[in-house]
Amino acid sequence: MSRNLAILKNYAETFVPGKSDSFLFVGGTGLGKTHLSSSVARAVIERGAYVVYESAITLFAEYESKQFGRSSFGDDEEIDTEKYTDCDLLIIDDLGCEMTNQFTLLCLYNIINTRMIRHKSTIISTNLSQNDLRKRYSDRIISRIFGEFKPLIFVGGDIREKKIRRSLGY
């Protein structure tokens, strides 16, 4: 885990739009994937880059609302899905929590492929194992993720559970 921290600290401090790597964070719940990705986002924003951080559920809901005209966000404001392909760094949190169907697969493929072509950096975090990712997503998506993203494996015990135990005196 200290290796992951060092890699991501260096990444955030040296981020260059169009030149920095993409990462896949893989590991169980409560291991710090979201915390580290939000820390990277904050540092990269401070360097002047355009960062979009979104949960997979919200990202796909926005595409669905734009495509089918159903707003689950309670307003009539135009939904900007271009931000997902235009930003310097896109962080997709909790991939695998969304309901997977042909539409979400198409959206995910389009986002990843477009960003690769444009040399845009992406961080994806997931609780799914490599095998679970292969079962859930198409070969085209998996090939791009495993071929272009640097994997960072998160291991250990659930940090939230540890905090609760400490607060209860265990």
N, C-alpha and C. Protein backbone atom coordinates (compact mmCIF):
# COMPACT_ATOMS: atom_id res chain seq x y z
N MET A 1 0.82 -1.20 0.00
CA MET A 1 0.00 0.00 0.00
C MET A 1 0.87 1.27 0.00
N SER A 2 2.02 1.20 0.66
CA SER A 2 2.91 2.37 0.66
C SER A 2 3.45 2.62 -0.76
N ARG A 3 3.62 1.54 -1.54
CA ARG A 3 4.05 1.68 -2.94
C ARG A 3 2.97 2.42 -3.74
N ASN A 4 1.69 2.04 -3.54
CA ASN A 4 0.59 2.73 -4.23
C ASN A 4 0.59 4.21 -3.88
N LEU A 5 0.76 4.52 -2.61
CA LEU A 5 0.77 5.91 -2.17
C LEU A 5 1.90 6.69 -2.84
N ALA A 6 3.08 6.10 -2.88
CA ALA A 6 4.22 6.78 -3.50
C ALA A 6 3.99 7.01 -5.00
N ILE A 7 3.47 6.00 -5.68
CA ILE A 7 3.18 6.11 -7.12
C ILE A 7 2.18 7.23 -7.37
N LEU A 8 1.11 7.27 -6.58
CA LEU A 8 0.05 8.25 -6.80
C LEU A 8 0.46 9.65 -6.38
N LYS A 9 1.29 9.75 -5.35
CA LYS A 9 1.80 11.06 -4.95
C LYS A 9 2.66 11.64 -6.07
N ASN A 10 3.54 10.84 -6.63
CA ASN A 10 4.37 11.28 -7.75
C ASN A 10 3.49 11.63 -8.96
N TYR A 11 2.49 10.81 -9.24
CA TYR A 11 1.57 11.05 -10.36
C TYR A 11 0.90 12.42 -10.22
N ALA A 12 0.37 12.69 -9.03
CA ALA A 12 -0.33 13.96 -8.79
C ALA A 12 0.62 15.15 -8.90
N GLU A 13 1.84 14.99 -8.42
CA GLU A 13 2.81 16.09 -8.41
C GLU A 13 3.40 16.37 -9.79
N THR A 14 3.34 15.38 -10.68
CA THR A 14 3.96 15.54 -12.00
C THR A 14 2.95 15.42 -13.14
N PHE A 15 1.67 15.49 -12.84
CA PHE A 15 0.62 15.29 -13.85
C PHE A 15 0.78 16.30 -14.98
N VAL A 16 0.75 15.77 -16.21
CA VAL A 16 0.80 16.59 -17.41
C VAL A 16 -0.35 16.15 -18.31
N PRO A 17 -1.31 17.04 -18.59
CA PRO A 17 -2.42 16.67 -19.46
C PRO A 17 -1.93 16.13 -20.80
N GLY A 18 -2.52 15.01 -21.22
CA GLY A 18 -2.17 14.40 -22.49
C GLY A 18 -0.94 13.51 -22.45
N LYS A 19 -0.25 13.46 -21.31
CA LYS A 19 0.97 12.67 -21.22
C LYS A 19 1.01 11.72 -20.02
N SER A 20 0.16 11.94 -19.04
CA SER A 20 0.20 11.11 -17.83
C SER A 20 -0.56 9.81 -18.03
N ASP A 21 -0.21 8.82 -17.23
CA ASP A 21 -0.78 7.48 -17.34
C ASP A 21 -2.24 7.42 -16.87
N SER A 22 -2.84 6.27 -17.15
CA SER A 22 -4.15 5.92 -16.62
C SER A 22 -3.96 4.75 -15.66
N PHE A 23 -4.83 4.69 -14.65
CA PHE A 23 -4.72 3.65 -13.62
C PHE A 23 -6.03 2.93 -13.40
N LEU A 24 -5.92 1.67 -13.00
CA LEU A 24 -7.05 0.87 -12.55
C LEU A 24 -6.77 0.50 -11.10
N PHE A 25 -7.61 0.99 -10.18
CA PHE A 25 -7.49 0.64 -8.77
C PHE A 25 -8.41 -0.55 -8.51
N VAL A 26 -7.83 -1.64 -8.02
CA VAL A 26 -8.59 -2.86 -7.78
C VAL A 26 -8.41 -3.27 -6.33
N GLY A 27 -9.52 -3.56 -5.65
CA GLY A 27 -9.43 -4.04 -4.27
C GLY A 27 -10.77 -3.98 -3.59
N GLY A 28 -10.84 -4.62 -2.45
CA GLY A 28 -12.08 -4.70 -1.70
C GLY A 28 -12.54 -3.36 -1.15
N THR A 29 -13.65 -3.40 -0.48
CA THR A 29 -14.25 -2.22 0.12
C THR A 29 -13.41 -1.71 1.29
N GLY A 30 -13.30 -0.39 1.39
CA GLY A 30 -12.67 0.22 2.55
C GLY A 30 -11.16 0.19 2.57
N LEU A 31 -10.54 0.08 1.42
CA LEU A 31 -9.07 -0.01 1.37
C LEU A 31 -8.40 1.30 0.97
N GLY A 32 -9.18 2.36 0.74
CA GLY A 32 -8.61 3.67 0.45
C GLY A 32 -8.60 4.08 -1.01
N LYS A 33 -9.27 3.33 -1.88
CA LYS A 33 -9.28 3.67 -3.31
C LYS A 33 -9.92 5.03 -3.54
N THR A 34 -11.08 5.26 -2.95
CA THR A 34 -11.78 6.52 -3.13
C THR A 34 -11.01 7.67 -2.49
N HIS A 35 -10.47 7.44 -1.31
CA HIS A 35 -9.71 8.48 -0.62
C HIS A 35 -8.50 8.90 -1.45
N LEU A 36 -7.75 7.93 -1.95
CA LEU A 36 -6.56 8.26 -2.75
C LEU A 36 -6.92 8.93 -4.07
N SER A 37 -7.99 8.44 -4.71
CA SER A 37 -8.35 9.06 -5.99
C SER A 37 -8.84 10.50 -5.78
N SER A 38 -9.54 10.77 -4.69
CA SER A 38 -9.95 12.16 -4.45
C SER A 38 -8.76 13.04 -4.08
N SER A 39 -7.76 12.48 -3.41
CA SER A 39 -6.54 13.23 -3.11
C SER A 39 -5.78 13.55 -4.40
N VAL A 40 -5.71 12.59 -5.31
CA VAL A 40 -5.08 12.84 -6.61
C VAL A 40 -5.85 13.93 -7.34
N ALA A 41 -7.16 13.84 -7.35
CA ALA A 41 -7.98 14.85 -8.03
C ALA A 41 -7.70 16.24 -7.50
N ARG A 42 -7.69 16.37 -6.19
CA ARG A 42 -7.45 17.68 -5.57
C ARG A 42 -6.07 18.23 -5.99
N ALA A 43 -5.03 17.39 -5.93
CA ALA A 43 -3.68 17.84 -6.28
C ALA A 43 -3.56 18.21 -7.76
N VAL A 44 -4.20 17.43 -8.62
CA VAL A 44 -4.14 17.70 -10.06
C VAL A 44 -4.92 18.98 -10.40
N ILE A 45 -6.04 19.20 -9.73
CA ILE A 45 -6.79 20.45 -9.91
C ILE A 45 -5.93 21.64 -9.49
N GLU A 46 -5.23 21.51 -8.37
CA GLU A 46 -4.36 22.59 -7.89
C GLU A 46 -3.26 22.91 -8.90
N ARG A 47 -2.89 21.95 -9.73
CA ARG A 47 -1.89 22.17 -10.77
C ARG A 47 -2.51 22.81 -12.02
N GLY A 48 -3.83 23.05 -12.00
CA GLY A 48 -4.49 23.74 -13.10
C GLY A 48 -5.17 22.86 -14.12
N ALA A 49 -5.24 21.56 -13.88
CA ALA A 49 -5.87 20.66 -14.85
C ALA A 49 -7.37 20.58 -14.61
N TYR A 50 -8.07 20.20 -15.65
CA TYR A 50 -9.52 20.01 -15.62
C TYR A 50 -9.80 18.56 -15.24
N VAL A 51 -10.38 18.37 -14.06
CA VAL A 51 -10.63 17.03 -13.53
C VAL A 51 -12.13 16.83 -13.33
N VAL A 52 -12.61 15.67 -13.74
CA VAL A 52 -14.00 15.28 -13.44
C VAL A 52 -13.93 13.99 -12.64
N TYR A 53 -14.59 14.01 -11.48
CA TYR A 53 -14.63 12.87 -10.57
C TYR A 53 -16.09 12.48 -10.43
N GLU A 54 -16.41 11.24 -10.78
CA GLU A 54 -17.82 10.82 -10.74
C GLU A 54 -17.92 9.34 -10.40
N SER A 55 -18.98 9.00 -9.68
CA SER A 55 -19.26 7.58 -9.45
C SER A 55 -19.78 6.99 -10.76
N ALA A 56 -19.52 5.72 -10.96
CA ALA A 56 -20.00 5.05 -12.17
C ALA A 56 -21.51 5.15 -12.27
N ILE A 57 -22.20 5.01 -11.16
CA ILE A 57 -23.67 5.07 -11.17
C ILE A 57 -24.15 6.41 -11.71
N THR A 58 -23.60 7.50 -11.21
CA THR A 58 -24.02 8.84 -11.65
C THR A 58 -23.61 9.10 -13.09
N LEU A 59 -22.41 8.70 -13.46
CA LEU A 59 -21.94 8.89 -14.83
C LEU A 59 -22.92 8.26 -15.83
N PHE A 60 -23.26 6.99 -15.62
CA PHE A 60 -24.17 6.31 -16.55
C PHE A 60 -25.59 6.87 -16.47
N ALA A 61 -26.01 7.31 -15.30
CA ALA A 61 -27.33 7.94 -15.17
C ALA A 61 -27.40 9.23 -15.98
N GLU A 62 -26.31 9.97 -16.01
CA GLU A 62 -26.29 11.19 -16.81
C GLU A 62 -26.39 10.88 -18.31
N TYR A 63 -25.66 9.89 -18.76
CA TYR A 63 -25.76 9.48 -20.17
C TYR A 63 -27.18 9.02 -20.49
N GLU A 64 -27.77 8.25 -19.60
CA GLU A 64 -29.13 7.76 -19.81
C GLU A 64 -30.12 8.93 -19.87
N SER A 65 -29.99 9.88 -18.96
CA SER A 65 -30.87 11.03 -18.94
C SER A 65 -30.74 11.85 -20.22
N LYS A 66 -29.52 12.03 -20.66
CA LYS A 66 -29.30 12.80 -21.89
C LYS A 66 -29.88 12.06 -23.10
N GLN A 67 -29.65 10.75 -23.18
CA GLN A 67 -30.10 9.97 -24.32
C GLN A 67 -31.61 9.79 -24.37
N PHE A 68 -32.20 9.52 -23.22
CA PHE A 68 -33.62 9.16 -23.19
C PHE A 68 -34.52 10.24 -22.62
N GLY A 69 -33.94 11.38 -22.24
CA GLY A 69 -34.74 12.51 -21.79
C GLY A 69 -35.37 12.37 -20.43
N ARG A 70 -34.92 11.41 -19.65
CA ARG A 70 -35.45 11.24 -18.30
C ARG A 70 -34.43 11.80 -17.33
N SER A 71 -34.78 12.87 -16.65
CA SER A 71 -33.85 13.44 -15.69
C SER A 71 -34.09 12.87 -14.31
N SER A 72 -33.11 12.20 -13.80
CA SER A 72 -33.19 11.70 -12.43
C SER A 72 -32.56 12.70 -11.48
N PHE A 73 -32.20 13.87 -12.01
CA PHE A 73 -31.52 14.88 -11.21
C PHE A 73 -32.46 16.00 -10.77
N GLY A 74 -33.73 15.93 -11.15
CA GLY A 74 -34.73 16.87 -10.66
C GLY A 74 -34.68 18.25 -11.27
N ASP A 75 -34.03 18.43 -12.38
CA ASP A 75 -34.02 19.73 -13.04
C ASP A 75 -34.04 19.54 -14.55
N ASP A 76 -34.31 20.61 -15.24
CA ASP A 76 -34.39 20.56 -16.70
C ASP A 76 -33.10 21.06 -17.35
N GLU A 77 -32.07 21.26 -16.57
CA GLU A 77 -30.81 21.75 -17.09
C GLU A 77 -30.20 20.73 -18.05
N GLU A 78 -29.59 21.23 -19.10
CA GLU A 78 -28.93 20.37 -20.08
C GLU A 78 -27.79 19.60 -19.42
N ILE A 79 -27.72 18.32 -19.67
CA ILE A 79 -26.69 17.48 -19.07
C ILE A 79 -25.49 17.46 -20.00
N ASP A 80 -24.32 17.75 -19.44
CA ASP A 80 -23.08 17.82 -20.21
C ASP A 80 -22.31 16.52 -20.04
N THR A 81 -22.46 15.59 -20.98
CA THR A 81 -21.69 14.36 -20.92
C THR A 81 -20.34 14.51 -21.63
N GLU A 82 -20.17 15.59 -22.38
CA GLU A 82 -18.89 15.83 -23.06
C GLU A 82 -17.75 15.98 -22.06
N LYS A 83 -18.07 16.41 -20.85
CA LYS A 83 -17.03 16.61 -19.84
C LYS A 83 -16.26 15.31 -19.58
N TYR A 84 -16.92 14.16 -19.77
CA TYR A 84 -16.28 12.87 -19.50
C TYR A 84 -15.21 12.51 -20.54
N THR A 85 -15.33 13.05 -21.73
CA THR A 85 -14.31 12.79 -22.74
C THR A 85 -13.37 13.98 -22.92
N ASP A 86 -13.76 15.16 -22.47
CA ASP A 86 -12.96 16.36 -22.67
C ASP A 86 -11.98 16.66 -21.55
N CYS A 87 -12.28 16.26 -20.33
CA CYS A 87 -11.44 16.65 -19.18
C CYS A 87 -10.04 16.06 -19.28
N ASP A 88 -9.10 16.69 -18.59
CA ASP A 88 -7.71 16.22 -18.58
C ASP A 88 -7.57 14.91 -17.82
N LEU A 89 -8.31 14.78 -16.72
CA LEU A 89 -8.29 13.57 -15.91
C LEU A 89 -9.72 13.22 -15.52
N LEU A 90 -10.15 12.02 -15.89
CA LEU A 90 -11.46 11.51 -15.50
C LEU A 90 -11.24 10.43 -14.45
N ILE A 91 -11.95 10.56 -13.33
CA ILE A 91 -11.90 9.53 -12.30
C ILE A 91 -13.30 8.93 -12.19
N ILE A 92 -13.38 7.63 -12.48
CA ILE A 92 -14.64 6.89 -12.37
C ILE A 92 -14.53 6.03 -11.13
N ASP A 93 -15.34 6.35 -10.13
CA ASP A 93 -15.30 5.65 -8.85
C ASP A 93 -16.33 4.53 -8.83
N ASP A 94 -15.93 3.40 -8.29
CA ASP A 94 -16.83 2.26 -8.05
C ASP A 94 -17.42 1.66 -9.32
N LEU A 95 -16.59 1.47 -10.34
CA LEU A 95 -17.07 0.77 -11.52
C LEU A 95 -17.49 -0.64 -11.10
N GLY A 96 -18.67 -1.03 -11.54
CA GLY A 96 -19.21 -2.34 -11.16
C GLY A 96 -20.42 -2.21 -10.25
N CYS A 97 -20.65 -1.01 -9.71
CA CYS A 97 -21.84 -0.78 -8.87
C CYS A 97 -23.07 -0.45 -9.71
N GLU A 98 -22.83 -0.06 -10.96
CA GLU A 98 -23.93 0.32 -11.84
C GLU A 98 -24.65 -0.92 -12.37
N MET A 99 -25.88 -0.74 -12.82
CA MET A 99 -26.57 -1.83 -13.50
C MET A 99 -25.98 -1.93 -14.90
N THR A 100 -25.46 -3.08 -15.23
CA THR A 100 -24.81 -3.25 -16.53
C THR A 100 -25.82 -3.74 -17.56
N ASN A 101 -25.88 -3.02 -18.68
CA ASN A 101 -26.72 -3.41 -19.81
C ASN A 101 -26.02 -2.94 -21.09
N GLN A 102 -26.61 -3.18 -22.21
CA GLN A 102 -25.97 -2.82 -23.48
C GLN A 102 -25.67 -1.33 -23.57
N PHE A 103 -26.56 -0.52 -23.01
CA PHE A 103 -26.36 0.93 -23.06
C PHE A 103 -25.15 1.35 -22.22
N THR A 104 -25.05 0.85 -21.00
CA THR A 104 -23.91 1.22 -20.16
C THR A 104 -22.60 0.68 -20.73
N LEU A 105 -22.64 -0.50 -21.33
CA LEU A 105 -21.43 -1.04 -21.96
C LEU A 105 -20.99 -0.16 -23.12
N LEU A 106 -21.94 0.30 -23.93
CA LEU A 106 -21.63 1.18 -25.04
C LEU A 106 -21.05 2.50 -24.54
N CYS A 107 -21.64 3.06 -23.50
CA CYS A 107 -21.14 4.32 -22.93
C CYS A 107 -19.73 4.15 -22.40
N LEU A 108 -19.49 3.09 -21.64
CA LEU A 108 -18.17 2.86 -21.08
C LEU A 108 -17.13 2.68 -22.17
N TYR A 109 -17.46 1.88 -23.17
CA TYR A 109 -16.54 1.69 -24.30
C TYR A 109 -16.23 3.03 -24.96
N ASN A 110 -17.25 3.82 -25.22
CA ASN A 110 -17.06 5.11 -25.89
C ASN A 110 -16.18 6.04 -25.07
N ILE A 111 -16.40 6.09 -23.77
CA ILE A 111 -15.61 6.96 -22.90
C ILE A 111 -14.14 6.51 -22.93
N ILE A 112 -13.90 5.24 -22.67
CA ILE A 112 -12.53 4.73 -22.60
C ILE A 112 -11.82 4.87 -23.94
N ASN A 113 -12.49 4.48 -25.01
CA ASN A 113 -11.87 4.54 -26.34
C ASN A 113 -11.58 5.97 -26.76
N THR A 114 -12.53 6.86 -26.57
CA THR A 114 -12.34 8.27 -26.94
C THR A 114 -11.19 8.88 -26.16
N ARG A 115 -11.13 8.59 -24.87
CA ARG A 115 -10.07 9.14 -24.03
C ARG A 115 -8.70 8.58 -24.45
N MET A 116 -8.66 7.31 -24.82
CA MET A 116 -7.39 6.73 -25.30
C MET A 116 -6.92 7.42 -26.57
N ILE A 117 -7.83 7.61 -27.51
CA ILE A 117 -7.49 8.24 -28.78
C ILE A 117 -6.98 9.67 -28.56
N ARG A 118 -7.59 10.35 -27.60
CA ARG A 118 -7.21 11.74 -27.30
C ARG A 118 -6.05 11.85 -26.31
N HIS A 119 -5.51 10.73 -25.88
CA HIS A 119 -4.41 10.70 -24.90
C HIS A 119 -4.80 11.40 -23.60
N LYS A 120 -5.99 11.10 -23.12
CA LYS A 120 -6.50 11.67 -21.88
C LYS A 120 -6.35 10.64 -20.76
N SER A 121 -5.97 11.09 -19.60
CA SER A 121 -5.74 10.20 -18.45
C SER A 121 -7.05 9.86 -17.76
N THR A 122 -7.12 8.63 -17.25
CA THR A 122 -8.31 8.14 -16.57
C THR A 122 -7.88 7.29 -15.39
N ILE A 123 -8.62 7.42 -14.30
CA ILE A 123 -8.45 6.53 -13.16
C ILE A 123 -9.81 5.86 -12.93
N ILE A 124 -9.80 4.54 -12.86
CA ILE A 124 -11.01 3.78 -12.58
C ILE A 124 -10.77 2.99 -11.30
N SER A 125 -11.70 3.08 -10.35
CA SER A 125 -11.60 2.25 -9.16
C SER A 125 -12.75 1.24 -9.18
N THR A 126 -12.46 0.04 -8.68
CA THR A 126 -13.48 -1.01 -8.66
C THR A 126 -13.21 -1.98 -7.52
N ASN A 127 -14.29 -2.57 -7.01
CA ASN A 127 -14.18 -3.64 -6.02
C ASN A 127 -14.15 -5.00 -6.71
N LEU A 128 -14.36 -5.02 -8.03
CA LEU A 128 -14.42 -6.27 -8.76
C LEU A 128 -13.02 -6.83 -9.03
N SER A 129 -12.91 -8.13 -8.98
CA SER A 129 -11.65 -8.79 -9.32
C SER A 129 -11.47 -8.77 -10.83
N GLN A 130 -10.29 -9.15 -11.27
CA GLN A 130 -10.02 -9.21 -12.71
C GLN A 130 -11.00 -10.17 -13.39
N ASN A 131 -11.25 -11.32 -12.78
CA ASN A 131 -12.20 -12.28 -13.36
C ASN A 131 -13.61 -11.72 -13.40
N ASP A 132 -14.04 -11.02 -12.35
CA ASP A 132 -15.37 -10.43 -12.33
C ASP A 132 -15.51 -9.34 -13.39
N LEU A 133 -14.45 -8.56 -13.58
CA LEU A 133 -14.47 -7.54 -14.64
C LEU A 133 -14.64 -8.19 -16.00
N ARG A 134 -13.91 -9.29 -16.22
CA ARG A 134 -14.00 -10.01 -17.51
C ARG A 134 -15.40 -10.55 -17.75
N LYS A 135 -16.06 -11.03 -16.72
CA LYS A 135 -17.41 -11.58 -16.86
C LYS A 135 -18.44 -10.48 -17.13
N ARG A 136 -18.21 -9.30 -16.58
CA ARG A 136 -19.21 -8.24 -16.62
C ARG A 136 -19.12 -7.35 -17.85
N TYR A 137 -17.90 -7.12 -18.35
CA TYR A 137 -17.71 -6.15 -19.43
C TYR A 137 -17.23 -6.85 -20.69
N SER A 138 -17.45 -6.21 -21.82
CA SER A 138 -17.11 -6.82 -23.12
C SER A 138 -15.61 -6.93 -23.31
N ASP A 139 -15.22 -7.81 -24.22
CA ASP A 139 -13.80 -8.00 -24.52
C ASP A 139 -13.15 -6.70 -24.98
N ARG A 140 -13.88 -5.89 -25.74
CA ARG A 140 -13.32 -4.62 -26.23
C ARG A 140 -12.98 -3.68 -25.07
N ILE A 141 -13.83 -3.65 -24.07
CA ILE A 141 -13.59 -2.81 -22.90
C ILE A 141 -12.43 -3.37 -22.08
N ILE A 142 -12.48 -4.65 -21.80
CA ILE A 142 -11.45 -5.29 -20.98
C ILE A 142 -10.08 -5.17 -21.64
N SER A 143 -10.01 -5.37 -22.94
CA SER A 143 -8.74 -5.25 -23.66
C SER A 143 -8.15 -3.86 -23.48
N ARG A 144 -8.97 -2.86 -23.56
CA ARG A 144 -8.48 -1.48 -23.42
C ARG A 144 -8.06 -1.20 -21.98
N ILE A 145 -8.86 -1.62 -21.02
CA ILE A 145 -8.51 -1.36 -19.62
C ILE A 145 -7.23 -2.10 -19.24
N PHE A 146 -7.17 -3.40 -19.48
CA PHE A 146 -6.00 -4.17 -19.08
C PHE A 146 -4.78 -3.87 -19.93
N GLY A 147 -4.99 -3.40 -21.15
CA GLY A 147 -3.87 -3.10 -22.03
C GLY A 147 -3.30 -1.71 -21.85
N GLU A 148 -4.11 -0.76 -21.40
CA GLU A 148 -3.68 0.64 -21.35
C GLU A 148 -3.58 1.22 -19.95
N PHE A 149 -4.25 0.62 -18.98
CA PHE A 149 -4.27 1.16 -17.62
C PHE A 149 -3.25 0.42 -16.77
N LYS A 150 -2.55 1.15 -15.92
CA LYS A 150 -1.63 0.52 -14.98
C LYS A 150 -2.43 0.06 -13.76
N PRO A 151 -2.36 -1.22 -13.44
CA PRO A 151 -3.14 -1.71 -12.30
C PRO A 151 -2.44 -1.40 -10.97
N LEU A 152 -3.23 -0.95 -10.00
CA LEU A 152 -2.75 -0.81 -8.63
C LEU A 152 -3.68 -1.66 -7.76
N ILE A 153 -3.12 -2.63 -7.10
CA ILE A 153 -3.89 -3.54 -6.26
C ILE A 153 -3.91 -3.01 -4.84
N PHE A 154 -5.09 -2.91 -4.27
CA PHE A 154 -5.27 -2.44 -2.90
C PHE A 154 -5.60 -3.64 -2.03
N VAL A 155 -4.83 -3.81 -0.95
CA VAL A 155 -5.01 -4.95 -0.05
C VAL A 155 -5.06 -4.46 1.39
N GLY A 156 -5.50 -5.35 2.27
CA GLY A 156 -5.53 -5.03 3.70
C GLY A 156 -6.93 -5.15 4.26
N GLY A 157 -7.09 -4.59 5.43
CA GLY A 157 -8.40 -4.62 6.10
C GLY A 157 -9.17 -3.34 5.84
N ASP A 158 -10.47 -3.42 6.00
CA ASP A 158 -11.38 -2.30 5.79
C ASP A 158 -11.05 -1.18 6.77
N ILE A 159 -10.62 -0.04 6.27
CA ILE A 159 -10.23 1.11 7.09
C ILE A 159 -11.42 1.63 7.89
N ARG A 160 -12.60 1.64 7.30
CA ARG A 160 -13.80 2.12 8.00
C ARG A 160 -14.12 1.24 9.21
N GLU A 161 -13.99 -0.07 9.01
CA GLU A 161 -14.21 -0.99 10.12
C GLU A 161 -13.22 -0.75 11.25
N LYS A 162 -11.97 -0.53 10.89
CA LYS A 162 -10.94 -0.26 11.89
C LYS A 162 -11.26 1.00 12.69
N LYS A 163 -11.75 2.05 12.00
CA LYS A 163 -12.11 3.29 12.67
C LYS A 163 -13.26 3.06 13.66
N ILE A 164 -14.24 2.28 13.22
CA ILE A 164 -15.38 1.99 14.10
C ILE A 164 -14.91 1.22 15.33
N ARG A 165 -14.08 0.23 15.12
CA ARG A 165 -13.57 -0.55 16.26
C ARG A 165 -12.79 0.31 17.22
N ARG A 166 -11.95 1.20 16.69
CA ARG A 166 -11.18 2.10 17.56
C ARG A 166 -12.10 3.01 18.36
N SER A 167 -13.13 3.54 17.70
CA SER A 167 -14.04 4.45 18.40
C SER A 167 -14.85 3.72 19.47
N LEU A 168 -15.04 2.42 19.30
CA LEU A 168 -15.77 1.63 20.30
C LEU A 168 -14.82 1.01 21.33
N GLY A 169 -13.53 1.24 21.17
CA GLY A 169 -12.56 0.75 22.13
C GLY A 169 -12.12 -0.68 21.91
N TYR A 170 -12.28 -1.22 20.71
CA TYR A 170 -11.84 -2.61 20.42
C TYR A 170 -10.44 -2.63 19.93
